[in-house]
C-alpha atoms as a PDB file:
ATOM      1  CA  MET A   1      71.649 133.642 110.112  1.00  0.00           C
ATOM      2  CA  GLY A   2      73.346 135.142 113.155  1.00  0.00           C
ATOM      3  CA  PHE A   3      73.663 133.636 116.600  1.00  0.00           C
ATOM      4  CA  ASN A   4      70.718 134.492 118.826  1.00  0.00           C
ATOM      5  CA  ARG A   5      71.035 131.895 121.588  1.00  0.00           C
ATOM      6  CA  LYS A   6      71.343 132.653 125.298  1.00  0.00           C
ATOM      7  CA  ASP A   7      74.063 130.025 125.803  1.00  0.00           C
ATOM      8  CA  LEU A   8      76.663 128.004 123.951  1.00  0.00           C
ATOM      9  CA  LEU A   9      76.351 124.503 125.350  1.00  0.00           C
ATOM     10  CA  GLY A  10      77.436 122.346 122.436  1.00  0.00           C
ATOM     11  CA  ILE A  11      77.907 122.050 118.695  1.00  0.00           C
ATOM     12  CA  ARG A  12      75.344 119.285 118.196  1.00  0.00           C
ATOM     13  CA  ASP A  13      72.328 121.612 118.284  1.00  0.00           C
ATOM     14  CA  LEU A  14      73.813 124.352 116.099  1.00  0.00           C
ATOM     15  CA  GLU A  15      72.891 124.873 112.465  1.00  0.00           C
ATOM     16  CA  ALA A  16      75.668 124.973 109.878  1.00  0.00           C
ATOM     17  CA  ALA A  17      74.845 128.642 109.264  1.00  0.00           C
ATOM     18  CA  GLU A  18      75.340 129.425 112.948  1.00  0.00           C
ATOM     19  CA  ILE A  19      78.730 127.717 112.942  1.00  0.00           C
ATOM     20  CA  GLU A  20      79.730 129.653 109.838  1.00  0.00           C
ATOM     21  CA  TYR A  21      78.650 132.907 111.489  1.00  0.00           C
ATOM     22  CA  LEU A  22      80.686 132.148 114.622  1.00  0.00           C
ATOM     23  CA  LEU A  23      83.764 131.320 112.537  1.00  0.00           C
ATOM     24  CA  ASP A  24      83.429 134.508 110.466  1.00  0.00           C
ATOM     25  CA  LEU A  25      83.045 136.602 113.611  1.00  0.00           C
ATOM     26  CA  SER A  26      86.019 134.899 115.239  1.00  0.00           C
ATOM     27  CA  ARG A  27      88.168 135.729 112.234  1.00  0.00           C
ATOM     28  CA  SER A  28      87.311 139.415 112.669  1.00  0.00           C
ATOM     29  CA  PHE A  29      88.633 139.339 116.239  1.00  0.00           C
ATOM     30  CA  LYS A  30      92.018 137.939 115.205  1.00  0.00           C
ATOM     31  CA  GLU A  31      93.179 141.403 114.157  1.00  0.00           C
ATOM     32  CA  ILE A  32      92.866 142.734 117.717  1.00  0.00           C
ATOM     33  CA  ASN A  33      95.312 140.101 118.923  1.00  0.00           C
ATOM     34  CA  GLU A  34      97.948 141.339 116.458  1.00  0.00           C
ATOM     35  CA  ARG A  35      97.909 144.929 117.700  1.00  0.00           C
ATOM     36  CA  SER A  36     100.609 146.393 119.930  1.00  0.00           C
ATOM     37  CA  ILE A  37      97.858 147.268 122.426  1.00  0.00           C
ATOM     38  CA  LYS A  38      95.588 144.253 122.488  1.00  0.00           C
ATOM     39  CA  LYS A  39      92.551 145.790 124.135  1.00  0.00           C
ATOM     40  CA  VAL A  40      89.209 147.234 123.080  1.00  0.00           C
ATOM     41  CA  PRO A  41      86.413 148.654 125.271  1.00  0.00           C
ATOM     42  CA  THR A  42      83.667 146.452 123.824  1.00  0.00           C
ATOM     43  CA  LEU A  43      82.649 144.687 127.068  1.00  0.00           C
ATOM     44  CA  ARG A  44      83.541 147.394 129.557  1.00  0.00           C
ATOM     45  CA  GLY A  45      81.236 147.035 132.557  1.00  0.00           C
ATOM     46  CA  LYS A  46      80.435 143.383 131.838  1.00  0.00           C
ATOM     47  CA  THR A  47      81.353 140.622 134.296  1.00  0.00           C
ATOM     48  CA  ILE A  48      82.572 137.149 133.334  1.00  0.00           C
ATOM     49  CA  ILE A  49      82.919 134.362 135.910  1.00  0.00           C
ATOM     50  CA  HIS A  50      85.060 131.319 135.124  1.00  0.00           C
ATOM     51  CA  LEU A  51      83.697 128.415 137.155  1.00  0.00           C
ATOM     52  CA  PHE A  52      86.036 125.447 136.718  1.00  0.00           C
ATOM     53  CA  TYR A  53      85.446 122.147 138.481  1.00  0.00           C
ATOM     54  CA  GLU A  54      88.330 120.502 136.579  1.00  0.00           C
ATOM     55  CA  PRO A  55      91.956 121.549 136.024  1.00  0.00           C
ATOM     56  CA  SER A  56      92.660 123.565 132.891  1.00  0.00           C
ATOM     57  CA  THR A  57      95.514 125.601 131.455  1.00  0.00           C
ATOM     58  CA  ARG A  58      94.732 126.501 127.829  1.00  0.00           C
ATOM     59  CA  THR A  59      90.956 126.843 127.999  1.00  0.00           C
ATOM     60  CA  ARG A  60      90.802 128.794 131.228  1.00  0.00           C
ATOM     61  CA  THR A  61      93.659 131.135 130.334  1.00  0.00           C
ATOM     62  CA  SER A  62      92.290 131.609 126.830  1.00  0.00           C
ATOM     63  CA  PHE A  63      88.847 132.634 128.096  1.00  0.00           C
ATOM     64  CA  ASP A  64      90.431 134.934 130.674  1.00  0.00           C
ATOM     65  CA  ILE A  65      92.642 136.655 128.110  1.00  0.00           C
ATOM     66  CA  ALA A  66      89.716 136.918 125.684  1.00  0.00           C
ATOM     67  CA  ALA A  67      87.554 138.630 128.297  1.00  0.00           C
ATOM     68  CA  LYS A  68      90.286 141.028 129.378  1.00  0.00           C
ATOM     69  CA  ARG A  69      91.056 142.016 125.797  1.00  0.00           C
ATOM     70  CA  LEU A  70      87.407 143.013 125.496  1.00  0.00           C
ATOM     71  CA  SER A  71      87.750 145.009 128.770  1.00  0.00           C
ATOM     72  CA  ALA A  72      85.382 142.797 130.776  1.00  0.00           C
ATOM     73  CA  ASP A  73      85.883 142.190 134.492  1.00  0.00           C
ATOM     74  CA  THR A  74      86.787 138.553 135.139  1.00  0.00           C
ATOM     75  CA  TYR A  75      86.765 136.339 138.211  1.00  0.00           C
ATOM     76  CA  SER A  76      88.031 132.758 138.335  1.00  0.00           C
ATOM     77  CA  ILE A  77      86.759 130.146 140.752  1.00  0.00           C
ATOM     78  CA  SER A  78      88.314 126.701 141.169  1.00  0.00           C
ATOM     79  CA  ALA A  79      86.713 123.798 142.963  1.00  0.00           C
ATOM     80  CA  SER A  80      89.775 123.347 145.173  1.00  0.00           C
ATOM     81  CA  THR A  81      89.735 126.920 146.504  1.00  0.00           C
ATOM     82  CA  SER A  82      86.019 127.584 146.948  1.00  0.00           C
ATOM     83  CA  SER A  83      83.079 126.523 149.127  1.00  0.00           C
ATOM     84  CA  ILE A  84      82.708 123.510 146.846  1.00  0.00           C
ATOM     85  CA  VAL A  85      85.236 121.709 149.056  1.00  0.00           C
ATOM     86  CA  LYS A  86      82.896 122.360 152.010  1.00  0.00           C
ATOM     87  CA  GLY A  87      80.075 120.498 150.278  1.00  0.00           C
ATOM     88  CA  GLU A  88      78.294 123.298 148.457  1.00  0.00           C
ATOM     89  CA  THR A  89      76.443 122.052 145.377  1.00  0.00           C
ATOM     90  CA  ALA A  90      77.128 123.393 141.914  1.00  0.00           C
ATOM     91  CA  LEU A  91      73.626 124.880 141.799  1.00  0.00           C
ATOM     92  CA  ASP A  92      74.049 126.681 145.143  1.00  0.00           C
ATOM     93  CA  THR A  93      77.409 128.009 143.961  1.00  0.00           C
ATOM     94  CA  LEU A  94      75.822 129.260 140.750  1.00  0.00           C
ATOM     95  CA  LYS A  95      72.873 130.880 142.548  1.00  0.00           C
ATOM     96  CA  ASN A  96      75.114 132.693 145.012  1.00  0.00           C
ATOM     97  CA  LEU A  97      77.298 133.972 142.203  1.00  0.00           C
ATOM     98  CA  GLU A  98      74.256 134.917 140.136  1.00  0.00           C
ATOM     99  CA  ALA A  99      73.117 137.137 143.015  1.00  0.00           C
ATOM    100  CA  MET A 100      76.207 139.248 142.288  1.00  0.00           C
ATOM    101  CA  ARG A 101      74.822 139.919 138.782  1.00  0.00           C
ATOM    102  CA  PRO A 102      77.450 138.525 136.398  1.00  0.00           C
ATOM    103  CA  ASP A 103      76.723 138.513 132.680  1.00  0.00           C
ATOM    104  CA  VAL A 104      78.378 135.253 131.598  1.00  0.00           C
ATOM    105  CA  PHE A 105      79.418 132.037 133.314  1.00  0.00           C
ATOM    106  CA  VAL A 106      82.164 129.965 131.643  1.00  0.00           C
ATOM    107  CA  ILE A 107      81.750 126.499 133.151  1.00  0.00           C
ATOM    108  CA  ARG A 108      83.885 123.368 133.051  1.00  0.00           C
ATOM    109  CA  HIS A 109      82.615 120.314 134.891  1.00  0.00           C
ATOM    110  CA  SER A 110      83.472 116.627 135.088  1.00  0.00           C
ATOM    111  CA  ALA A 111      79.806 115.634 134.865  1.00  0.00           C
ATOM    112  CA  SER A 112      78.356 115.451 131.367  1.00  0.00           C
ATOM    113  CA  GLY A 113      75.362 117.768 131.149  1.00  0.00           C
ATOM    114  CA  ALA A 114      76.257 119.962 134.145  1.00  0.00           C
ATOM    115  CA  PRO A 115      76.519 123.230 132.139  1.00  0.00           C
ATOM    116  CA  GLN A 116      73.174 122.445 130.476  1.00  0.00           C
ATOM    117  CA  MET A 117      71.511 121.933 133.855  1.00  0.00           C
ATOM    118  CA  LEU A 118      72.996 125.122 135.273  1.00  0.00           C
ATOM    119  CA  ALA A 119      72.158 127.174 132.163  1.00  0.00           C
ATOM    120  CA  GLY A 120      68.492 126.402 132.681  1.00  0.00           C
ATOM    121  CA  ARG A 121      68.643 127.856 136.198  1.00  0.00           C
ATOM    122  CA  THR A 122      70.275 131.219 135.560  1.00  0.00           C
ATOM    123  CA  THR A 123      69.390 134.296 133.566  1.00  0.00           C
ATOM    124  CA  ALA A 124      73.090 134.839 132.817  1.00  0.00           C
ATOM    125  CA  SER A 125      74.575 133.309 129.689  1.00  0.00           C
ATOM    126  CA  VAL A 126      76.527 130.065 130.027  1.00  0.00           C
ATOM    127  CA  ILE A 127      79.412 128.852 127.880  1.00  0.00           C
ATOM    128  CA  ASN A 128      80.296 125.182 128.164  1.00  0.00           C
ATOM    129  CA  ALA A 129      84.083 124.995 128.554  1.00  0.00           C
ATOM    130  CA  GLY A 130      84.011 121.189 128.573  1.00  0.00           C
ATOM    131  CA  ASP A 131      81.688 118.806 130.383  1.00  0.00           C
ATOM    132  CA  GLY A 132      82.641 115.218 131.109  1.00  0.00           C
ATOM    133  CA  MET A 133      82.662 113.078 127.968  1.00  0.00           C
ATOM    134  CA  HIS A 134      79.993 115.232 126.306  1.00  0.00           C
ATOM    135  CA  GLU A 135      81.189 118.356 124.447  1.00  0.00           C
ATOM    136  CA  HIS A 136      83.806 121.105 124.258  1.00  0.00           C
ATOM    137  CA  PRO A 137      82.255 123.528 121.745  1.00  0.00           C
ATOM    138  CA  SER A 138      84.809 126.350 121.805  1.00  0.00           C
ATOM    139  CA  GLN A 139      87.601 123.843 121.111  1.00  0.00           C
ATOM    140  CA  ALA A 140      85.768 122.555 118.045  1.00  0.00           C
ATOM    141  CA  LEU A 141      85.229 126.095 116.796  1.00  0.00           C
ATOM    142  CA  LEU A 142      88.906 127.011 117.145  1.00  0.00           C
ATOM    143  CA  ASP A 143      89.857 123.740 115.444  1.00  0.00           C
ATOM    144  CA  MET A 144      87.550 124.500 112.511  1.00  0.00           C
ATOM    145  CA  LEU A 145      88.889 128.055 112.297  1.00  0.00           C
ATOM    146  CA  THR A 146      92.458 126.719 112.160  1.00  0.00           C
ATOM    147  CA  ILE A 147      91.544 124.325 109.360  1.00  0.00           C
ATOM    148  CA  LEU A 148      89.836 127.134 107.452  1.00  0.00           C
ATOM    149  CA  ASP A 149      92.869 129.381 107.837  1.00  0.00           C
ATOM    150  CA  ASN A 150      95.117 126.734 106.316  1.00  0.00           C
ATOM    151  CA  LYS A 151      92.830 124.973 103.819  1.00  0.00           C
ATOM    152  CA  GLY A 152      90.398 127.729 102.905  1.00  0.00           C
ATOM    153  CA  ARG A 153      87.408 125.410 103.292  1.00  0.00           C
ATOM    154  CA  LEU A 154      85.837 122.692 105.413  1.00  0.00           C
ATOM    155  CA  ASP A 155      83.556 121.169 102.819  1.00  0.00           C
ATOM    156  CA  GLY A 156      85.023 118.113 101.116  1.00  0.00           C
ATOM    157  CA  LEU A 157      87.998 117.653 103.445  1.00  0.00           C
ATOM    158  CA  ASN A 158      89.010 114.303 104.916  1.00  0.00           C
ATOM    159  CA  VAL A 159      89.621 114.672 108.649  1.00  0.00           C
ATOM    160  CA  VAL A 160      91.043 111.790 110.685  1.00  0.00           C
ATOM    161  CA  ILE A 161      90.612 111.884 114.466  1.00  0.00           C
ATOM    162  CA  VAL A 162      93.052 109.486 116.145  1.00  0.00           C
ATOM    163  CA  GLY A 163      93.118 108.278 119.711  1.00  0.00           C
ATOM    164  CA  ASP A 164      90.854 107.943 122.718  1.00  0.00           C
ATOM    165  CA  ILE A 165      87.556 108.721 121.018  1.00  0.00           C
ATOM    166  CA  TYR A 166      85.501 107.111 123.773  1.00  0.00           C
ATOM    167  CA  HIS A 167      86.384 109.612 126.504  1.00  0.00           C
ATOM    168  CA  SER A 168      86.908 112.662 124.289  1.00  0.00           C
ATOM    169  CA  ARG A 169      84.512 115.599 124.408  1.00  0.00           C
ATOM    170  CA  VAL A 170      86.797 117.298 121.866  1.00  0.00           C
ATOM    171  CA  ALA A 171      86.188 114.467 119.400  1.00  0.00           C
ATOM    172  CA  ARG A 172      82.421 114.656 119.820  1.00  0.00           C
ATOM    173  CA  SER A 173      82.204 118.416 119.296  1.00  0.00           C
ATOM    174  CA  ASN A 174      84.501 118.231 116.274  1.00  0.00           C
ATOM    175  CA  ILE A 175      82.507 115.383 114.765  1.00  0.00           C
ATOM    176  CA  TRP A 176      79.265 117.335 115.085  1.00  0.00           C
ATOM    177  CA  GLY A 177      80.838 120.493 113.688  1.00  0.00           C
ATOM    178  CA  LEU A 178      82.925 119.079 110.853  1.00  0.00           C
ATOM    179  CA  THR A 179      80.177 116.819 109.505  1.00  0.00           C
ATOM    180  CA  LYS A 180      77.705 119.715 109.550  1.00  0.00           C
ATOM    181  CA  MET A 181      80.208 121.761 107.539  1.00  0.00           C
ATOM    182  CA  GLY A 182      80.684 119.071 104.904  1.00  0.00           C
ATOM    183  CA  SER A 183      83.865 117.309 105.985  1.00  0.00           C
ATOM    184  CA  THR A 184      84.290 113.548 105.921  1.00  0.00           C
ATOM    185  CA  VAL A 185      85.391 112.388 109.366  1.00  0.00           C
ATOM    186  CA  VAL A 186      87.201 109.129 110.118  1.00  0.00           C
ATOM    187  CA  VAL A 187      87.760 108.062 113.732  1.00  0.00           C
ATOM    188  CA  CYS A 188      90.663 105.727 114.425  1.00  0.00           C
ATOM    189  CA  GLY A 189      91.837 103.993 117.569  1.00  0.00           C
ATOM    190  CA  PRO A 190      91.821 100.751 119.513  1.00  0.00           C
ATOM    191  CA  ALA A 191      88.438  99.044 119.596  1.00  0.00           C
ATOM    192  CA  THR A 192      88.274  99.577 123.365  1.00  0.00           C
ATOM    193  CA  LEU A 193      88.533 103.354 122.861  1.00  0.00           C
ATOM    194  CA  ILE A 194      85.887 103.657 120.121  1.00  0.00           C
ATOM    195  CA  PRO A 195      82.325 104.247 121.396  1.00  0.00           C
ATOM    196  CA  PRO A 196      79.734 101.707 120.239  1.00  0.00           C
ATOM    197  CA  ASN A 197      77.506 102.926 117.398  1.00  0.00           C
ATOM    198  CA  ILE A 198      79.577 106.057 116.817  1.00  0.00           C
ATOM    199  CA  ASP A 199      78.946 105.582 113.100  1.00  0.00           C
ATOM    200  CA  ALA A 200      75.461 106.938 113.833  1.00  0.00           C
ATOM    201  CA  MET A 201      77.149 110.349 114.158  1.00  0.00           C
ATOM    202  CA  GLY A 202      78.031 110.171 110.468  1.00  0.00           C
ATOM    203  CA  VAL A 203      81.669 109.084 110.765  1.00  0.00           C
ATOM    204  CA  LYS A 204      83.714 106.239 109.353  1.00  0.00           C
ATOM    205  CA  VAL A 205      85.446 103.936 111.833  1.00  0.00           C
ATOM    206  CA  THR A 206      88.742 102.071 111.576  1.00  0.00           C
ATOM    207  CA  ASN A 207      91.182 100.428 113.983  1.00  0.00           C
ATOM    208  CA  HIS A 208      94.048 100.604 111.469  1.00  0.00           C
ATOM    209  CA  LEU A 209      95.926 103.899 111.345  1.00  0.00           C
ATOM    210  CA  GLU A 210      97.835 103.065 108.167  1.00  0.00           C
ATOM    211  CA  GLN A 211      94.564 102.848 106.229  1.00  0.00           C
ATOM    212  CA  CYS A 212      93.530 106.434 106.838  1.00  0.00           C
ATOM    213  CA  ILE A 213      96.768 108.455 106.778  1.00  0.00           C
ATOM    214  CA  PRO A 214      97.310 108.601 102.962  1.00  0.00           C
ATOM    215  CA  ASP A 215      93.945 110.283 102.238  1.00  0.00           C
ATOM    216  CA  ALA A 216      93.880 112.627 105.231  1.00  0.00           C
ATOM    217  CA  ASP A 217      93.813 116.382 104.763  1.00  0.00           C
ATOM    218  CA  VAL A 218      93.844 116.832 108.528  1.00  0.00           C
ATOM    219  CA  ILE A 219      95.003 114.484 111.293  1.00  0.00           C
ATOM    220  CA  MET A 220      93.620 115.463 114.666  1.00  0.00           C
ATOM    221  CA  VAL A 221      95.556 113.679 117.418  1.00  0.00           C
ATOM    222  CA  LEU A 222      93.862 113.222 120.787  1.00  0.00           C
ATOM    223  CA  ARG A 223      95.582 112.921 124.132  1.00  0.00           C
ATOM    224  CA  LEU A 224      95.830 109.408 125.473  1.00  0.00           C
ATOM    225  CA  GLN A 225      94.142 109.847 128.834  1.00  0.00           C
ATOM    226  CA  LYS A 226      96.589 107.965 131.022  1.00  0.00           C
ATOM    227  CA  GLU A 227      94.264 108.222 133.980  1.00  0.00           C
ATOM    228  CA  ARG A 228      91.986 105.781 132.129  1.00  0.00           C
ATOM    229  CA  GLN A 229      94.667 103.101 132.189  1.00  0.00           C
ATOM    230  CA  GLN A 230      93.289 101.908 135.510  1.00  0.00           C
ATOM    231  CA  GLN A 231      90.302 100.663 133.548  1.00  0.00           C
ATOM    232  CA  MET A 232      92.573  98.261 131.619  1.00  0.00           C
ATOM    233  CA  LEU A 233      91.383  99.504 128.225  1.00  0.00           C
ATOM    234  CA  LEU A 234      94.870  99.102 126.728  1.00  0.00           C
ATOM    235  CA  PRO A 235      97.621  96.518 127.220  1.00  0.00           C
ATOM    236  CA  SER A 236     100.189  99.290 127.726  1.00  0.00           C
ATOM    237  CA  VAL A 237     101.053 102.866 126.785  1.00  0.00           C
ATOM    238  CA  ARG A 238     104.033 101.549 124.811  1.00  0.00           C
ATOM    239  CA  GLU A 239     101.799  99.353 122.650  1.00  0.00           C
ATOM    240  CA  TYR A 240      99.451 102.271 122.038  1.00  0.00           C
ATOM    241  CA  ALA A 241     102.381 104.442 120.910  1.00  0.00           C
ATOM    242  CA  THR A 242     103.561 101.694 118.589  1.00  0.00           C
ATOM    243  CA  LEU A 243     100.188 101.186 116.917  1.00  0.00           C
ATOM    244  CA  TYR A 244      98.629 104.669 117.007  1.00  0.00           C
ATOM    245  CA  GLY A 245     101.355 107.202 117.686  1.00  0.00           C
ATOM    246  CA  ILE A 246     101.793 109.839 114.974  1.00  0.00           C
ATOM    247  CA  ASN A 247     105.491 110.038 114.099  1.00  0.00           C
ATOM    248  CA  GLY A 248     107.708 111.072 111.221  1.00  0.00           C
ATOM    249  CA  GLN A 249     107.859 107.588 109.749  1.00  0.00           C
ATOM    250  CA  ARG A 250     104.082 107.350 109.494  1.00  0.00           C
ATOM    251  CA  LEU A 251     103.806 110.792 107.931  1.00  0.00           C
ATOM    252  CA  LYS A 252     105.925 109.667 104.996  1.00  0.00           C
ATOM    253  CA  GLU A 253     102.671 108.171 103.693  1.00  0.00           C
ATOM    254  CA  ALA A 254     100.708 111.393 104.251  1.00  0.00           C
ATOM    255  CA  ARG A 255      99.899 114.184 101.847  1.00  0.00           C
ATOM    256  CA  LYS A 256     102.493 116.932 101.589  1.00  0.00           C
ATOM    257  CA  ASP A 257     100.033 119.521 102.859  1.00  0.00           C
ATOM    258  CA  VAL A 258      98.517 117.477 105.690  1.00  0.00           C
ATOM    259  CA  LEU A 259      97.722 119.386 108.892  1.00  0.00           C
ATOM    260  CA  ILE A 260      98.579 117.927 112.284  1.00  0.00           C
ATOM    261  CA  MET A 261      96.422 119.127 115.159  1.00  0.00           C
ATOM    262  CA  HIS A 262      96.244 118.395 118.888  1.00  0.00           C
ATOM    263  CA  PRO A 263      93.960 120.001 121.509  1.00  0.00           C
ATOM    264  CA  GLY A 264      96.556 119.590 124.273  1.00  0.00           C
ATOM    265  CA  PRO A 265      97.997 118.779 126.641  1.00  0.00           C
ATOM    266  CA  MET A 266     100.289 116.504 124.656  1.00  0.00           C
ATOM    267  CA  ASN A 267     101.927 113.285 125.773  1.00  0.00           C
ATOM    268  CA  ARG A 268     105.077 113.602 123.668  1.00  0.00           C
ATOM    269  CA  GLY A 269     106.368 110.244 122.581  1.00  0.00           C
ATOM    270  CA  VAL A 270     102.989 108.577 123.134  1.00  0.00           C
ATOM    271  CA  GLU A 271     100.245 109.831 120.806  1.00  0.00           C
ATOM    272  CA  ILE A 272     102.574 112.227 118.992  1.00  0.00           C
ATOM    273  CA  SER A 273     106.335 112.415 118.549  1.00  0.00           C
ATOM    274  CA  PRO A 274     108.272 115.642 119.236  1.00  0.00           C
ATOM    275  CA  GLU A 275     109.401 115.817 115.586  1.00  0.00           C
ATOM    276  CA  VAL A 276     105.758 115.909 114.461  1.00  0.00           C
ATOM    277  CA  ALA A 277     104.478 118.183 117.239  1.00  0.00           C
ATOM    278  CA  ASP A 278     107.154 120.759 116.381  1.00  0.00           C
ATOM    279  CA  GLY A 279     107.401 119.973 112.679  1.00  0.00           C
ATOM    280  CA  PRO A 280     106.274 121.697 109.484  1.00  0.00           C
ATOM    281  CA  TYR A 281     102.861 120.017 109.369  1.00  0.00           C
ATOM    282  CA  SER A 282     101.912 121.054 112.893  1.00  0.00           C
ATOM    283  CA  VAL A 283      99.373 123.840 113.480  1.00  0.00           C
ATOM    284  CA  ILE A 284      99.070 123.121 117.207  1.00  0.00           C
ATOM    285  CA  LEU A 285     100.185 126.583 118.334  1.00  0.00           C
ATOM    286  CA  GLU A 286      97.917 128.175 115.732  1.00  0.00           C
ATOM    287  CA  GLN A 287      95.052 126.369 117.451  1.00  0.00           C
ATOM    288  CA  VAL A 288      96.005 128.037 120.735  1.00  0.00           C
ATOM    289  CA  THR A 289      96.215 131.452 119.086  1.00  0.00           C
ATOM    290  CA  ASN A 290      92.844 131.008 117.383  1.00  0.00           C
ATOM    291  CA  GLY A 291      91.321 129.948 120.687  1.00  0.00           C
ATOM    292  CA  VAL A 292      91.567 133.499 121.994  1.00  0.00           C
ATOM    293  CA  ALA A 293      89.801 134.952 118.934  1.00  0.00           C
ATOM    294  CA  VAL A 294      87.031 132.347 119.081  1.00  0.00           C
ATOM    295  CA  ARG A 295      86.412 132.982 122.774  1.00  0.00           C
ATOM    296  CA  MET A 296      86.421 136.738 122.218  1.00  0.00           C
ATOM    297  CA  ALA A 297      83.668 136.253 119.645  1.00  0.00           C
ATOM    298  CA  LEU A 298      81.616 134.072 121.992  1.00  0.00           C
ATOM    299  CA  LEU A 299      81.922 136.463 124.922  1.00  0.00           C
ATOM    300  CA  TYR A 300      81.110 139.415 122.669  1.00  0.00           C
ATOM    301  CA  LEU A 301      77.893 137.761 121.494  1.00  0.00           C
ATOM    302  CA  LEU A 302      76.671 136.397 124.806  1.00  0.00           C
ATOM    303  CA  ALA A 303      77.637 139.234 127.152  1.00  0.00           C
ATOM    304  CA  GLN A 304      75.723 141.759 125.053  1.00  0.00           C
ATOM    305  CA  ARG A 305      72.550 139.844 124.362  1.00  0.00           C
END
């Protein structure tokens, strides 16, 4: 099975064979990024528009670099510097941009479901670059590719996702993807940051970090979203770091080949200590590198459909 969809809006609706195809294709693009001249003419004449309603460093830059390495023309639009600040709706923005005949929109939005709504109203392809608390499919794909590079498989692995599961679109996309590919997923965090009934997604749930570290092949650390502290979901950041922060002491109980991952940006000293983030178990920068290859594969598929 290939990938014959108009858009990439999430991992939930993908078949395992489609995920495998996307990962295999992404791996083939990694070689381009190792060349002295990192550019191929594959998407020459194609136009990619990055439409970001939320701040982003890694995702936006990664998509932009991916498009340029495929020789596409790229244009970036931020909410703060566009007609959006004058009251223009997302749909009107999309329709006006569509009139300029782009091939792909890469959309990030704070509202869950916004890319899905917009995808149904344009003939251009849409890639969801993160929507609210819903999904972040390209992040999950680059995470799975990083695990494959280091473990050689996804099936049968124990993956622990630690942190603010409730607000995390990264967690949701990874849960859908990893479970489809045969991994066992455990989510761990304070009860206030675990969504109700998340076990229906096929994961195990625990509030005790020490219980899941010894058997973990992969520990995926999520950013503690400090902006959520206004909702009083935690007593304090310090208490969170004490109970759920991944540090060197805790990793003494981990397997010798455990992988430590983080989608970024990191709160050093909160959810992860500097010694772990920069230590021998960390593949965090590999995730960033693989993000370019994954997004090259996605743009290649969707811009040429």
